[in-house]
Amino acid sequence: MKRIALIAISIVLVTLRLSAAEQIQIDSAEIQELKGKAGKWVQVNQRTTLQYIMKEYGCTREDIYALNEIAGKRSLTGNYVFVPFSAELLESLASRGVARTVVETSDDEFLWPVEKVNNISSILGLRGGKFHTGMDIPAERGTPVRASMEGRVVFSGYLSGFGNSLEIEHRNNFITRYCHNAVNFVKKGDFVRKGQYIGCVGSTGNSTGNHLHYEIRCVDVPLDPLDFLPGKSGLLMPHSLKNWK
């Protein structure tokens, strides 16, 4: 069975290398997308109230509740909600040259789940006598986490040890995992685009500090994410490895 899984992975890797590159738009700090709507993830609190949000972004309470699939009129204080931008606001942003980030990628190429990565604190392999199934990316709490590839969310919830976690199923039997999140934006069943914001970095579960535990699996076999992600020159790695390029 293991041999069959390895053969399947080899075939998929060859397929990935044959994909043609194209330019796509991914979420930025200024503009994000959910279910085809342009807008922004905002945390409702005493300062950023729902009334302030509706006035600032030109939307209604009904727009927010419907897009976020929130039943009734329960309080949103303390929660993150996706706020759709009005047509007028989008026109204003466009006139000022504010747009989503454009990257060159291929259909089957993975994107880094965190935009600015300076170092990797832990990699795939043995760690403390146990097998570490992914890599750890240190980042400040609240840093956006992006979907590495388009797909469907198959898990969104609290996972013992890993805290708030997400699993996204992709083509060719790939799954990506994003763990220790401060908050998950998307829920099970949601379809997400490549580069879409899906949560925020945190330190939930068994964690010694804010970071993202990230995995790439194929037919449920954990693979080294560094074999799939675009190279980053000068990226600092654990002391056991040289700088990766």
Protein backbone atom coordinates (compact mmCIF):
# COMPACT_ATOMS: atom_id res chain seq x y z
CA MET A 1 0.00 0.00 0.00
CA LYS A 2 2.85 2.36 0.87
CA ARG A 3 4.52 1.63 -2.49
CA ILE A 4 1.28 2.47 -4.33
CA ALA A 5 1.03 5.78 -2.42
CA LEU A 6 4.63 6.69 -3.33
CA ILE A 7 4.02 5.89 -7.02
CA ALA A 8 0.88 8.08 -6.98
CA ILE A 9 2.86 10.95 -5.44
CA SER A 10 5.59 10.61 -8.10
CA ILE A 11 3.02 10.84 -10.89
CA VAL A 12 1.49 13.95 -9.29
CA LEU A 13 4.91 15.62 -8.96
CA VAL A 14 5.55 15.18 -12.68
CA THR A 15 2.13 16.70 -13.43
CA LEU A 16 2.88 19.73 -11.25
CA ARG A 17 6.05 20.52 -13.20
CA LEU A 18 4.13 20.60 -16.50
CA SER A 19 1.67 23.33 -15.45
CA ALA A 20 1.87 26.68 -17.26
CA ALA A 21 2.33 29.90 -15.28
CA GLU A 22 -0.29 32.65 -15.17
CA GLN A 23 -0.96 35.84 -13.21
CA ILE A 24 -3.67 35.79 -10.54
CA GLN A 25 -4.98 38.21 -7.92
CA ILE A 26 -4.61 37.22 -4.28
CA ASP A 27 -5.86 38.88 -1.10
CA SER A 28 -4.00 41.93 0.20
CA ALA A 29 -4.23 43.97 3.39
CA GLU A 30 -6.54 46.43 1.60
CA ILE A 31 -8.87 44.10 -0.32
CA GLN A 32 -9.89 40.51 0.33
CA GLU A 33 -12.56 38.24 -1.12
CA LEU A 34 -15.15 35.82 0.21
CA LYS A 35 -17.71 33.95 -1.90
CA GLY A 36 -17.04 36.22 -4.87
CA LYS A 37 -17.50 39.43 -2.86
CA ALA A 38 -14.69 41.97 -2.44
CA GLY A 39 -14.32 43.29 1.09
CA LYS A 40 -12.32 42.88 4.26
CA TRP A 41 -12.14 40.78 7.43
CA VAL A 42 -12.82 43.02 10.44
CA GLN A 43 -13.03 42.25 14.16
CA VAL A 44 -16.08 43.74 15.84
CA ASN A 45 -15.20 45.31 19.21
CA GLN A 46 -16.09 48.30 21.37
CA ARG A 47 -14.10 50.63 19.16
CA THR A 48 -14.90 49.05 15.78
CA THR A 49 -18.62 48.62 16.29
CA LEU A 50 -21.06 47.21 13.76
CA GLN A 51 -22.48 50.71 13.21
CA TYR A 52 -18.99 52.06 12.48
CA ILE A 53 -18.29 49.18 10.07
CA MET A 54 -21.52 49.71 8.11
CA LYS A 55 -20.81 53.42 7.74
CA GLU A 56 -17.13 52.95 6.88
CA TYR A 57 -17.64 50.29 4.20
CA GLY A 58 -21.07 51.21 2.86
CA CYS A 59 -22.90 47.98 3.65
CA THR A 60 -25.94 46.99 5.68
CA ARG A 61 -26.40 44.75 8.70
CA GLU A 62 -28.29 42.33 6.47
CA ASP A 63 -25.35 42.21 4.02
CA ILE A 64 -22.95 41.24 6.80
CA TYR A 65 -25.20 38.66 8.44
CA ALA A 66 -26.10 37.01 5.12
CA LEU A 67 -22.54 36.81 3.75
CA ASN A 68 -21.21 35.40 7.02
CA GLU A 69 -24.20 33.04 7.34
CA ILE A 70 -25.07 34.34 10.81
CA ALA A 71 -28.55 33.45 11.97
CA GLY A 72 -30.80 35.80 13.87
CA LYS A 73 -29.57 39.04 15.34
CA ARG A 74 -27.00 37.73 17.81
CA SER A 75 -24.21 40.06 18.91
CA LEU A 76 -21.04 40.02 16.79
CA THR A 77 -18.84 41.71 19.39
CA GLY A 78 -15.53 39.91 19.70
CA ASN A 79 -15.94 38.08 16.39
CA TYR A 80 -14.33 38.54 12.99
CA VAL A 81 -16.77 39.16 10.15
CA PHE A 82 -16.28 39.61 6.44
CA VAL A 83 -17.52 43.05 5.42
CA PRO A 84 -18.47 43.49 1.73
CA PHE A 85 -17.41 46.78 0.12
CA SER A 86 -20.00 48.96 -1.55
CA ALA A 87 -19.67 49.71 -5.29
CA GLU A 88 -18.80 53.32 -4.42
CA LEU A 89 -15.98 52.26 -2.12
CA LEU A 90 -14.57 49.88 -4.73
CA GLU A 91 -14.61 52.69 -7.31
CA SER A 92 -12.83 54.99 -4.87
CA LEU A 93 -10.15 52.38 -4.16
CA ALA A 94 -9.65 51.73 -7.88
CA SER A 95 -9.25 55.46 -8.57
CA ARG A 96 -6.42 55.52 -5.99
CA GLY A 97 -4.76 52.47 -7.47
CA VAL A 98 -5.63 50.23 -4.51
CA ALA A 99 -6.00 46.63 -5.66
CA ARG A 100 -5.30 43.06 -4.68
CA THR A 101 -1.78 41.68 -5.08
CA VAL A 102 -0.90 40.11 -8.43
CA VAL A 103 1.40 37.05 -8.45
CA GLU A 104 2.62 34.69 -11.13
CA THR A 105 1.80 31.07 -10.40
CA SER A 106 0.50 27.93 -12.07
CA ASP A 107 -2.69 25.99 -11.36
CA ASP A 108 -0.81 23.32 -9.41
CA GLU A 109 1.83 25.49 -7.70
CA PHE A 110 1.53 26.15 -3.97
CA LEU A 111 1.83 29.64 -2.48
CA TRP A 112 3.45 30.44 0.85
CA PRO A 113 0.69 30.50 3.50
CA VAL A 114 2.23 33.58 5.15
CA GLU A 115 3.28 36.50 2.97
CA LYS A 116 6.53 37.60 4.65
CA VAL A 117 8.55 34.61 5.82
CA ASN A 118 12.00 35.29 7.26
CA ASN A 119 12.77 31.99 8.93
CA ILE A 120 11.54 28.47 9.58
CA SER A 121 11.76 27.31 13.20
CA SER A 122 11.04 23.61 12.61
CA ILE A 123 10.91 21.36 9.56
CA LEU A 124 9.48 17.99 8.56
CA GLY A 125 11.20 15.12 10.38
CA LEU A 126 12.18 13.87 13.81
CA ARG A 127 11.90 16.43 16.60
CA GLY A 128 12.32 15.50 20.25
CA GLY A 129 11.97 11.84 19.44
CA LYS A 130 8.68 12.34 17.58
CA PHE A 131 7.93 12.82 13.89
CA HIS A 132 7.03 16.45 13.09
CA THR A 133 4.60 16.27 10.16
CA GLY A 134 5.05 19.78 8.77
CA MET A 135 7.01 22.98 9.18
CA ASP A 136 6.63 25.86 11.65
CA ILE A 137 6.64 29.46 10.43
CA PRO A 138 7.10 32.09 13.18
CA ALA A 139 4.93 35.19 12.67
CA GLU A 140 3.26 37.89 14.75
CA ARG A 141 -0.15 37.14 16.20
CA GLY A 142 -2.86 38.27 13.79
CA THR A 143 -0.73 37.83 10.66
CA PRO A 144 -3.06 36.70 7.85
CA VAL A 145 -2.90 33.04 6.81
CA ARG A 146 -3.55 32.38 3.11
CA ALA A 147 -4.76 29.29 1.27
CA SER A 148 -1.79 27.84 -0.62
CA MET A 149 -4.01 26.50 -3.38
CA GLU A 150 -7.67 26.60 -4.28
CA GLY A 151 -9.82 23.88 -2.80
CA ARG A 152 -12.56 22.97 -0.36
CA VAL A 153 -12.34 23.25 3.43
CA VAL A 154 -12.78 19.76 4.90
CA PHE A 155 -12.04 20.69 8.53
CA SER A 156 -12.33 23.91 10.51
CA GLY A 157 -12.24 23.67 14.27
CA TYR A 158 -10.18 22.88 17.34
CA LEU A 159 -7.75 19.98 16.97
CA SER A 160 -6.16 18.53 20.10
CA GLY A 161 -2.56 19.72 20.37
CA PHE A 162 -2.81 21.81 17.19
CA GLY A 163 -5.41 24.29 18.46
CA ASN A 164 -7.56 26.13 15.91
CA SER A 165 -6.87 24.29 12.66
CA LEU A 166 -7.92 24.20 9.02
CA GLU A 167 -7.64 21.48 6.39
CA ILE A 168 -8.19 22.21 2.71
CA GLU A 169 -8.61 19.50 0.09
CA HIS A 170 -7.10 20.20 -3.34
CA ARG A 171 -6.86 18.46 -6.68
CA ASN A 172 -4.58 15.44 -7.14
CA ASN A 173 -5.29 14.15 -3.60
CA PHE A 174 -3.40 17.00 -1.90
CA ILE A 175 -4.41 18.41 1.49
CA THR A 176 -2.90 21.42 3.26
CA ARG A 177 -3.14 21.98 7.02
CA TYR A 178 -2.89 25.28 8.92
CA CYS A 179 -2.67 24.99 12.72
CA HIS A 180 -2.37 27.03 15.96
CA ASN A 181 -4.50 29.81 14.41
CA ALA A 182 -5.79 32.63 16.57
CA VAL A 183 -8.99 32.46 14.54
CA ASN A 184 -10.33 30.54 11.54
CA PHE A 185 -12.16 32.66 8.99
CA VAL A 186 -13.59 29.88 6.83
CA LYS A 187 -15.73 26.88 7.74
CA LYS A 188 -16.12 23.30 6.59
CA GLY A 189 -17.61 23.12 3.10
CA ASP A 190 -16.37 26.54 1.96
CA PHE A 191 -14.57 26.72 -1.38
CA VAL A 192 -11.49 28.94 -1.16
CA ARG A 193 -9.31 30.54 -3.80
CA LYS A 194 -5.53 30.39 -3.94
CA GLY A 195 -4.18 33.29 -1.88
CA GLN A 196 -7.46 33.86 -0.01
CA TYR A 197 -7.21 34.87 3.66
CA ILE A 198 -8.48 31.93 5.71
CA GLY A 199 -7.39 32.81 9.25
CA CYS A 200 -4.83 34.53 11.47
CA VAL A 201 -1.61 33.32 13.07
CA GLY A 202 -1.87 32.55 16.77
CA SER A 203 -0.60 30.21 19.48
CA THR A 204 -3.59 27.99 20.30
CA GLY A 205 -3.12 24.36 21.32
CA ASN A 206 0.29 23.07 22.41
CA SER A 207 2.44 25.97 21.31
CA THR A 208 5.33 27.95 22.78
CA GLY A 209 4.71 31.09 20.73
CA ASN A 210 2.88 32.60 17.79
CA HIS A 211 3.53 30.60 14.63
CA LEU A 212 1.83 28.66 11.85
CA HIS A 213 2.22 24.89 11.69
CA TYR A 214 1.84 24.12 7.98
CA GLU A 215 1.55 20.77 6.23
CA ILE A 216 1.26 19.49 2.68
CA ARG A 217 -0.03 15.92 2.34
CA CYS A 218 -0.70 13.71 -0.66
CA VAL A 219 -2.83 10.56 -0.23
CA ASP A 220 -2.40 11.36 3.49
CA VAL A 221 1.41 11.09 3.35
CA PRO A 222 3.10 14.17 4.94
CA LEU A 223 5.54 15.76 2.47
CA ASP A 224 8.23 18.40 2.90
CA PRO A 225 6.55 21.74 2.09
CA LEU A 226 9.91 23.17 0.98
CA ASP A 227 9.80 20.80 -2.00
CA PHE A 228 6.61 22.50 -3.22
CA LEU A 229 6.86 26.17 -2.25
CA PRO A 230 8.64 28.83 -4.36
CA GLY A 231 12.20 29.46 -3.20
CA LYS A 232 13.00 32.35 -0.88
CA SER A 233 16.62 33.52 -1.03
CA GLY A 234 18.30 33.84 2.37
CA LEU A 235 15.51 32.13 4.31
CA LEU A 236 16.83 31.19 7.76
CA MET A 237 16.43 27.52 8.63
CA PRO A 238 16.99 25.42 11.77
CA HIS A 239 20.68 25.18 12.69
CA SER A 240 20.86 21.65 11.33
CA LEU A 241 20.37 22.95 7.78
CA LYS A 242 22.08 25.58 5.68
CA ASN A 243 20.17 28.61 4.42
CA TRP A 244 17.67 27.41 1.82
CA LYS A 245 17.43 29.10 -1.55
